[in-house]
Protein backbone atom coordinates (compact mmCIF):
# COMPACT_ATOMS: atom_id res chain seq x y z
CA MET A 1 3.49 -46.12 6.07
CA ARG A 2 5.65 -48.86 7.59
CA LEU A 3 9.09 -49.53 6.19
CA THR A 4 9.62 -53.17 5.25
CA ARG A 5 13.34 -53.38 4.35
CA ALA A 6 15.95 -53.23 7.07
CA VAL A 7 16.59 -49.79 8.52
CA TYR A 8 20.10 -49.27 9.86
CA ILE A 9 20.37 -46.66 12.58
CA ASP A 10 23.62 -44.76 12.96
CA THR A 11 24.77 -43.86 16.48
CA SER A 12 24.21 -40.14 15.83
CA ALA A 13 20.50 -40.77 15.27
CA LEU A 14 20.10 -43.52 17.87
CA ALA A 15 21.33 -41.21 20.63
CA LYS A 16 18.18 -39.14 20.13
CA ARG A 17 16.07 -42.03 21.44
CA TYR A 18 17.81 -42.05 24.81
CA GLN A 19 18.97 -38.45 25.19
CA ARG A 20 16.57 -35.57 24.65
CA GLU A 21 18.32 -33.46 22.04
CA ALA A 22 17.43 -31.59 18.86
CA GLY A 23 15.51 -33.86 16.49
CA ALA A 24 14.46 -36.33 19.19
CA ASP A 25 10.71 -35.88 18.63
CA GLU A 26 11.06 -36.34 14.88
CA PHE A 27 13.22 -39.42 15.44
CA ASP A 28 10.62 -40.86 17.85
CA ARG A 29 7.93 -40.44 15.18
CA PHE A 30 10.17 -42.19 12.65
CA LEU A 31 10.76 -45.10 15.04
CA GLY A 32 7.00 -45.34 15.56
CA ARG A 33 6.72 -46.39 11.91
CA LEU A 34 9.09 -49.33 12.45
CA THR A 35 8.49 -52.77 13.90
CA SER A 36 12.24 -53.20 14.36
CA ALA A 37 15.50 -51.54 13.41
CA SER A 38 19.06 -52.67 12.87
CA ILE A 39 22.19 -51.55 14.64
CA SER A 40 25.57 -53.21 15.07
CA ARG A 41 27.77 -54.13 17.98
CA LEU A 42 29.78 -51.06 16.94
CA THR A 43 26.71 -48.88 17.53
CA VAL A 44 26.43 -50.17 21.09
CA VAL A 45 30.10 -49.42 21.77
CA GLU A 46 29.86 -45.95 20.22
CA PHE A 47 26.73 -45.17 22.24
CA CYS A 48 28.47 -46.17 25.48
CA CYS A 49 31.40 -43.97 24.48
CA LEU A 50 29.05 -41.05 23.80
CA LEU A 51 27.44 -41.43 27.22
CA ALA A 52 30.82 -41.66 28.94
CA ARG A 53 32.02 -38.52 27.17
CA ARG A 54 28.87 -36.62 28.14
CA ARG A 55 29.32 -37.80 31.71
CA ARG A 56 32.96 -36.63 31.79
CA ASN A 57 31.84 -33.28 30.37
CA ARG A 58 29.14 -33.08 33.06
CA GLU A 59 26.39 -32.99 30.43
CA LEU A 60 24.62 -35.83 32.26
CA ASP A 61 24.85 -37.46 35.65
CA ALA A 62 25.41 -41.10 36.61
CA GLY A 63 21.68 -41.77 36.89
CA ALA A 64 20.97 -40.46 33.39
CA GLN A 65 23.85 -42.53 32.03
CA ARG A 66 22.48 -45.69 33.69
CA ARG A 67 18.92 -45.00 32.48
CA ALA A 68 20.05 -44.45 28.88
CA THR A 69 22.15 -47.62 28.92
CA ALA A 70 19.30 -49.63 30.45
CA ALA A 71 16.83 -48.30 27.88
CA LEU A 72 19.13 -49.30 25.02
CA GLU A 73 19.62 -52.76 26.54
CA ASP A 74 15.84 -53.10 26.94
CA ASP A 75 15.24 -52.24 23.26
CA ILE A 76 17.79 -54.91 22.34
CA ARG A 77 16.40 -57.51 24.76
CA ARG A 78 12.81 -57.11 23.54
CA GLY A 79 13.94 -57.37 19.91
CA PHE A 80 13.12 -53.86 18.71
CA LEU A 81 16.80 -53.30 17.96
CA GLU A 82 18.51 -56.14 16.13
CA VAL A 83 22.24 -56.07 16.86
CA HIS A 84 24.44 -57.29 14.01
CA PRO A 85 27.94 -58.58 14.84
CA LEU A 86 31.16 -57.09 13.53
CA GLU A 87 32.76 -59.46 11.07
CA ASP A 88 36.13 -59.48 9.32
CA GLN A 89 34.36 -59.03 5.98
CA HIS A 90 32.97 -55.73 7.26
CA ALA A 91 36.55 -54.46 7.69
CA LEU A 92 37.37 -55.43 4.12
CA ASP A 93 34.18 -53.84 2.84
CA ALA A 94 34.80 -50.68 4.91
CA ARG A 95 38.27 -50.40 3.36
CA ASP A 96 36.73 -50.72 -0.10
CA LEU A 97 34.17 -48.02 0.72
CA LEU A 98 36.91 -45.64 1.86
CA ILE A 99 38.61 -46.13 -1.51
CA ARG A 100 35.39 -46.00 -3.54
CA LEU A 101 34.07 -42.89 -1.78
CA ARG A 102 37.44 -41.11 -1.70
CA ALA A 103 35.86 -37.71 -2.43
CA ILE A 104 33.82 -37.96 0.80
CA PRO A 105 35.77 -37.50 4.07
CA LEU A 106 34.30 -40.69 5.52
CA ARG A 107 35.60 -41.71 8.94
CA THR A 108 36.73 -45.25 9.67
CA LEU A 109 33.87 -46.21 11.99
CA ASP A 110 31.28 -44.71 9.64
CA ALA A 111 32.73 -46.85 6.84
CA PHE A 112 32.18 -49.86 9.12
CA HIS A 113 28.56 -48.78 9.76
CA LEU A 114 27.93 -48.44 6.03
CA ALA A 115 29.57 -51.78 5.29
CA ILE A 116 27.26 -53.43 7.80
CA ALA A 117 24.20 -51.60 6.45
CA LEU A 118 25.03 -52.86 2.95
CA ALA A 119 25.73 -56.39 4.20
CA ILE A 120 22.30 -56.64 5.83
CA GLU A 121 20.72 -55.11 2.71
CA ALA A 122 19.31 -52.12 4.55
CA GLY A 123 17.29 -49.94 2.24
CA THR A 124 17.38 -46.99 4.62
CA VAL A 125 19.83 -45.49 7.07
CA ALA A 126 18.92 -43.03 9.81
CA THR A 127 21.57 -40.49 10.76
CA ALA A 128 22.30 -37.04 12.12
CA ASP A 129 25.80 -36.94 10.61
CA HIS A 130 26.37 -34.94 7.40
CA THR A 131 29.31 -36.98 6.12
CA PHE A 132 27.62 -40.30 6.85
CA SER A 133 24.52 -39.02 5.06
CA ALA A 134 26.50 -38.01 1.97
CA ALA A 135 28.26 -41.38 1.85
CA ALA A 136 25.00 -43.30 2.27
CA ALA A 137 23.36 -41.29 -0.51
CA ALA A 138 26.36 -41.97 -2.77
CA LEU A 139 25.72 -45.67 -2.13
CA HIS A 140 22.07 -45.23 -3.16
CA LEU A 141 20.71 -45.82 0.32
CA LYS A 142 17.66 -43.85 1.39
CA VAL A 143 18.67 -41.41 4.13
CA GLU A 144 16.37 -40.42 6.97
CA TRP A 145 17.91 -37.20 8.31
CA PHE A 146 17.67 -36.18 11.97
CA GLY A 147 20.41 -33.58 12.24
CA SER A 148 20.30 -29.85 12.35
């Protein structure tokens, strides 16, 4: 079954496409059901940060970092990943989500991701983050879970 509404992919799930880690095979199968997926400029920045941190921690070498970055850029260039810009309205919406979901310990950048997902009318979010998942479910988004 192919998903027809926008699918927003959180950085925690997207990393599984470019770094072999727990849940990567399941995530690959999920992506195989999509013709495209949505991320934001924030996702790209967070992914680069994740790679840099793993490099500093000696969890990957320079070649692996370059290959992962190039693979992400290729997915963007060929249109599989649609990158949505960060807009001022997303900051306002993220603030509102932090207030609305006050019982959930939502982090700032995850509130931005959710604001963008809602703005693009994503029906589904993919994540490997428990808090993000809980917040998305509270917003009545379908959650595709790829965590442990």
